[in-house]
Amino acid sequence: MLAAAPSANAATHSEIGVQSAGGCISAHGPGDWNKHCIDVVGKGVNVETVEGHLSSTVAPYFPRQICVVDVKIWGTELGGYYFERTKKNNGCGLGSLGVKWFLNMKFEPGSQICSQTTYEGRVPGPVCIQIRP
């Protein structure tokens, strides 16, 4: 099961499903309300997909166009091996823009998968999901 976990270095959020979890924190972006998020799909220690993205809204609650984000994800694979991926999305999106990885990997129980979505060179704090067997 995936769930949010407390961490001294990262903001976390509550579990949103038995086989998936996600969370968001405030971030710099083009709109009036911006957040960067992580969405993880898997079961137990097996992680199928991880997506990091930036979401942006302008008053009065309309999606804002976002162009070019850098996304970094990291965690600890089963066996204690450090895992990291980074990718730039040079496209544009209305309301949301990010990167999705299809991993199908096992991660260390009790560890976290974290994401940072950077926009215009501004790096927000990480948002993390805890791996629970």
Protein backbone atom coordinates (compact mmCIF):
# COMPACT_ATOMS: atom_id res chain seq x y z
CA MET A 1 0.00 0.00 0.00
CA LEU A 2 1.23 3.50 -0.77
CA ALA A 3 0.69 6.23 1.79
CA ALA A 4 2.00 9.57 2.77
CA ALA A 5 4.71 9.60 5.40
CA PRO A 6 6.15 12.28 7.65
CA SER A 7 9.65 13.41 6.80
CA ALA A 8 11.89 16.12 8.17
CA ASN A 9 12.91 17.14 4.64
CA ALA A 10 9.73 16.77 2.65
CA ALA A 11 6.11 17.79 2.64
CA THR A 12 3.73 14.86 2.51
CA HIS A 13 0.03 14.27 2.05
CA SER A 14 -2.56 11.69 2.96
CA GLU A 15 -3.28 8.42 1.22
CA ILE A 16 -5.85 8.74 -1.56
CA GLY A 17 -6.34 5.11 -2.56
CA VAL A 18 -5.37 1.54 -1.86
CA GLN A 19 -3.29 1.17 -5.01
CA SER A 20 -2.41 4.79 -5.60
CA ALA A 21 -1.39 7.82 -3.60
CA GLY A 22 -0.61 11.40 -4.35
CA GLY A 23 0.08 14.73 -2.83
CA CYS A 24 0.87 18.33 -3.70
CA ILE A 25 2.58 21.36 -2.18
CA SER A 26 2.72 25.01 -3.20
CA ALA A 27 5.19 25.90 -5.93
CA HIS A 28 6.21 28.76 -8.21
CA GLY A 29 4.28 28.83 -11.47
CA PRO A 30 2.62 31.06 -14.03
CA GLY A 31 -0.81 31.33 -12.40
CA ASP A 32 -2.38 32.70 -9.23
CA TRP A 33 -2.40 29.26 -7.54
CA ASN A 34 0.38 26.80 -8.33
CA LYS A 35 1.34 23.45 -6.87
CA HIS A 36 3.67 20.64 -7.75
CA CYS A 37 2.45 17.12 -7.24
CA ILE A 38 3.39 13.46 -7.20
CA ASP A 39 1.07 10.62 -8.21
CA VAL A 40 2.21 7.05 -7.56
CA VAL A 41 0.40 3.91 -8.73
CA GLY A 42 1.33 0.50 -7.38
CA LYS A 43 0.59 -2.11 -4.76
CA GLY A 44 2.72 -2.85 -1.74
CA VAL A 45 6.38 -2.33 -2.57
CA ASN A 46 5.76 -2.64 -6.34
CA VAL A 47 5.53 0.78 -8.01
CA GLU A 48 4.06 0.75 -11.50
CA THR A 49 4.09 4.47 -12.39
CA VAL A 50 5.25 7.76 -10.91
CA GLU A 51 4.20 11.14 -12.25
CA GLY A 52 5.49 14.53 -11.17
CA HIS A 53 3.71 17.61 -12.48
CA LEU A 54 2.98 21.29 -11.97
CA SER A 55 -0.64 22.47 -11.80
CA SER A 56 -1.63 26.09 -12.24
CA THR A 57 -4.89 28.04 -11.97
CA VAL A 58 -5.77 31.70 -12.48
CA ALA A 59 -8.66 33.67 -11.00
CA PRO A 60 -11.54 32.94 -11.25
CA TYR A 61 -10.45 29.25 -11.20
CA PHE A 62 -9.46 28.71 -14.82
CA PRO A 63 -6.52 26.51 -15.88
CA ARG A 64 -3.36 28.42 -16.80
CA GLN A 65 -1.02 27.51 -19.65
CA ILE A 66 2.30 26.06 -18.41
CA CYS A 67 5.33 25.60 -20.65
CA VAL A 68 8.61 23.79 -19.89
CA VAL A 69 9.10 22.00 -16.57
CA ASP A 70 11.95 19.90 -15.18
CA VAL A 71 10.86 16.93 -13.09
CA LYS A 72 13.04 14.85 -10.77
CA ILE A 73 11.94 11.72 -8.88
CA TRP A 74 13.98 9.65 -6.45
CA GLY A 75 13.68 6.89 -3.87
CA THR A 76 15.23 3.68 -2.56
CA GLU A 77 14.87 0.47 -4.53
CA LEU A 78 14.40 -2.88 -2.79
CA GLY A 79 17.82 -3.86 -1.47
CA GLY A 80 18.72 -0.29 -0.50
CA TYR A 81 19.82 0.99 -3.91
CA TYR A 82 19.37 4.70 -4.62
CA PHE A 83 17.05 5.46 -7.56
CA GLU A 84 16.77 8.76 -9.43
CA ARG A 85 15.32 9.95 -12.74
CA THR A 86 15.11 13.43 -14.26
CA LYS A 87 13.43 14.64 -17.40
CA LYS A 88 12.46 17.95 -18.97
CA ASN A 89 9.08 18.41 -20.62
CA ASN A 90 9.61 21.14 -23.24
CA GLY A 91 5.94 21.18 -24.23
CA CYS A 92 3.01 23.20 -22.96
CA GLY A 93 -0.11 22.14 -21.10
CA LEU A 94 -3.33 23.81 -20.03
CA GLY A 95 -3.59 23.56 -16.23
CA SER A 96 -0.95 20.85 -15.79
CA LEU A 97 2.40 19.80 -17.22
CA GLY A 98 4.76 17.06 -16.05
CA VAL A 99 6.48 13.77 -16.70
CA LYS A 100 5.27 10.20 -16.13
CA TRP A 101 7.59 7.23 -15.70
CA PHE A 102 6.50 3.60 -16.20
CA LEU A 103 8.73 1.84 -13.67
CA ASN A 104 7.32 -1.55 -12.60
CA MET A 105 9.98 -1.69 -9.86
CA LYS A 106 10.09 -2.74 -6.22
CA PHE A 107 11.00 -0.16 -3.58
CA GLU A 108 12.23 -0.56 -0.01
CA PRO A 109 9.39 -0.87 2.55
CA GLY A 110 9.18 2.26 4.68
CA SER A 111 11.15 4.33 2.16
CA GLN A 112 9.78 7.26 0.20
CA ILE A 113 9.40 8.17 -3.44
CA CYS A 114 9.80 11.92 -3.88
CA SER A 115 9.30 14.41 -6.68
CA GLN A 116 10.29 18.00 -7.46
CA THR A 117 8.87 19.91 -10.41
CA THR A 118 10.98 22.94 -11.29
CA TYR A 119 9.53 25.87 -13.22
CA GLU A 120 11.65 28.79 -14.46
CA GLY A 121 14.59 27.53 -12.39
CA ARG A 122 12.75 27.74 -9.06
CA VAL A 123 13.04 24.51 -7.07
CA PRO A 124 10.24 23.83 -4.57
CA GLY A 125 10.54 21.50 -1.60
CA PRO A 126 9.98 17.83 -2.41
CA VAL A 127 6.64 16.08 -2.12
CA CYS A 128 6.89 12.42 -1.06
CA ILE A 129 4.86 9.23 -0.76
CA GLN A 130 5.84 6.44 1.63
CA ILE A 131 6.09 2.82 0.46
CA ARG A 132 4.18 0.45 2.73
CA PRO A 133 4.00 -3.32 2.24
